[in-house]
Amino acid sequence: RNHRLHDLTVDRARAPHAAWRELLDECADRGHPVSEAETVRETARRLATQFNLDAEGRGHLRTVVSALERSWYSPQGEVDAEFVAAFEGLREAIHRAAPLPLKARLLPGSVIRR
C-alpha cells in the first residue's frame, strides 16, 4: 500500500490506477468489498451512497474517477497536484464517514486476505 501511495506523488502516469486500487482496499477494510463486475462509475455511485459522502467527498470521488478514465483513453493520462489533493480529500471523507476500529487499522482486511 505504501508503494501505491508513493506512486500518487512520484509516478503521475500510474497515479490514477494506484489511487483506485487504494480506494478499493479502503472499502474492503471497512467491509465494503467491490465487485469486479461493476464498472468504475457504478462502484463510485455505490460507494458515495454507502459512505454517505458529503458534496465535497463526492466531488473528490468524481475527480478520481475522471482521472482514472482519462488514463485509460488519453495518451497523456498524467495527473496534477489537484488530483493528489482530491484523492487525499476522498480518503479523509471516507475516514470521517466510516472510521476504522483499532483492530482493522492494525490488521487491515485488504492486507490479510492477500
Protein backbone atom coordinates (compact mmCIF):
# COMPACT_ATOMS: atom_id res chain seq x y z
CA ARG A 1 0.00 0.00 0.00
CA ASN A 2 2.82 2.39 0.75
CA HIS A 3 4.12 1.80 -2.78
CA ARG A 4 0.76 2.85 -4.23
CA LEU A 5 0.65 5.98 -2.11
CA HIS A 6 4.19 6.77 -3.24
CA ASP A 7 3.08 6.42 -6.88
CA LEU A 8 0.48 9.15 -6.35
CA THR A 9 3.12 11.81 -5.96
CA VAL A 10 6.08 10.38 -7.87
CA ASP A 11 4.73 8.40 -10.82
CA ARG A 12 2.00 10.64 -12.18
CA ALA A 13 1.19 8.26 -15.07
CA ARG A 14 0.37 5.43 -12.63
CA ALA A 15 -1.28 7.66 -10.03
CA PRO A 16 -4.92 7.12 -11.12
CA HIS A 17 -4.54 3.33 -11.03
CA ALA A 18 -2.73 3.47 -7.69
CA ALA A 19 -5.43 5.72 -6.24
CA TRP A 20 -8.25 3.48 -7.45
CA ARG A 21 -6.57 0.35 -6.07
CA GLU A 22 -6.05 2.11 -2.73
CA LEU A 23 -9.68 3.22 -2.69
CA LEU A 24 -10.82 -0.36 -3.27
CA ASP A 25 -8.64 -1.50 -0.37
CA GLU A 26 -10.05 1.26 1.85
CA CYS A 27 -13.52 -0.06 1.04
CA ALA A 28 -12.57 -3.68 1.70
CA ASP A 29 -11.06 -2.67 5.04
CA ARG A 30 -14.44 -1.23 6.00
CA GLY A 31 -16.41 -4.32 4.97
CA HIS A 32 -17.48 -3.00 1.56
CA PRO A 33 -15.64 -5.14 -0.98
CA VAL A 34 -16.05 -4.06 -4.58
CA SER A 35 -17.24 -6.45 -7.26
CA GLU A 36 -15.06 -6.67 -10.33
CA ALA A 37 -18.28 -6.97 -12.33
CA GLU A 38 -19.16 -3.35 -11.56
CA THR A 39 -17.96 -0.50 -13.73
CA VAL A 40 -15.89 2.22 -12.12
CA ARG A 41 -18.84 4.61 -12.27
CA GLU A 42 -21.22 2.07 -10.74
CA THR A 43 -18.74 1.46 -7.96
CA ALA A 44 -18.31 5.19 -7.37
CA ARG A 45 -22.08 5.76 -7.13
CA ARG A 46 -22.47 2.86 -4.71
CA LEU A 47 -19.58 3.98 -2.52
CA ALA A 48 -20.82 7.56 -2.40
CA THR A 49 -24.12 6.23 -1.06
CA GLN A 50 -22.67 3.56 1.26
CA PHE A 51 -20.27 6.01 2.89
CA ASN A 52 -22.82 8.83 2.77
CA LEU A 53 -20.19 11.15 1.29
CA ASP A 54 -20.90 14.85 1.54
CA ALA A 55 -20.78 17.13 -1.53
CA GLU A 56 -17.05 17.71 -1.11
CA GLY A 57 -16.34 13.97 -0.81
CA ARG A 58 -18.46 13.25 -3.88
CA GLY A 59 -16.55 15.92 -5.80
CA HIS A 60 -13.26 14.32 -4.83
CA LEU A 61 -14.59 10.93 -5.92
CA ARG A 62 -15.62 12.37 -9.32
CA THR A 63 -12.10 13.80 -9.75
CA VAL A 64 -10.51 10.41 -9.02
CA VAL A 65 -12.89 8.53 -11.35
CA SER A 66 -12.40 11.07 -14.15
CA ALA A 67 -8.61 10.84 -13.85
CA LEU A 68 -8.78 7.04 -13.94
CA GLU A 69 -10.96 7.07 -17.06
CA ARG A 70 -8.70 9.64 -18.75
CA SER A 71 -5.68 7.46 -18.02
CA TRP A 72 -7.30 4.63 -19.99
CA TYR A 73 -8.06 6.66 -23.07
CA SER A 74 -5.70 9.60 -23.16
CA PRO A 75 -2.11 9.31 -24.36
CA GLN A 76 -1.25 11.81 -21.63
CA GLY A 77 -3.15 10.39 -18.69
CA GLU A 78 -0.88 12.00 -16.12
CA VAL A 79 -2.41 13.82 -13.19
CA ASP A 80 -1.61 17.06 -11.43
CA ALA A 81 -1.44 18.22 -7.83
CA GLU A 82 -5.20 18.81 -7.83
CA PHE A 83 -5.73 15.07 -8.33
CA VAL A 84 -3.49 14.18 -5.38
CA ALA A 85 -5.37 16.68 -3.18
CA ALA A 86 -8.70 15.24 -4.35
CA PHE A 87 -7.61 11.71 -3.54
CA GLU A 88 -6.45 12.72 -0.07
CA GLY A 89 -9.72 14.58 0.44
CA LEU A 90 -11.65 11.49 -0.60
CA ARG A 91 -9.73 9.31 1.84
CA GLU A 92 -10.41 11.82 4.63
CA ALA A 93 -14.13 11.86 3.77
CA ILE A 94 -14.25 8.06 3.94
CA HIS A 95 -12.33 8.05 7.22
CA ARG A 96 -14.83 10.54 8.69
CA ALA A 97 -17.83 8.58 7.45
CA ALA A 98 -16.53 5.12 8.36
CA PRO A 99 -13.63 5.24 10.82
CA LEU A 100 -11.72 2.02 11.22
CA PRO A 101 -11.64 0.33 14.61
CA LEU A 102 -8.20 -0.22 16.10
CA LYS A 103 -8.04 -3.89 15.07
CA ALA A 104 -8.81 -3.02 11.44
CA ARG A 105 -6.14 -0.30 11.48
CA LEU A 106 -3.55 -2.74 12.77
CA LEU A 107 -4.65 -5.68 10.61
CA PRO A 108 -6.48 -4.30 7.56
CA GLY A 109 -8.66 -6.84 5.81
CA SER A 110 -7.30 -5.87 2.43
CA VAL A 111 -3.81 -6.88 3.53
CA ILE A 112 -4.76 -10.03 5.45
CA ARG A 113 -6.74 -11.52 2.54
CA ARG A 114 -3.69 -11.44 0.23
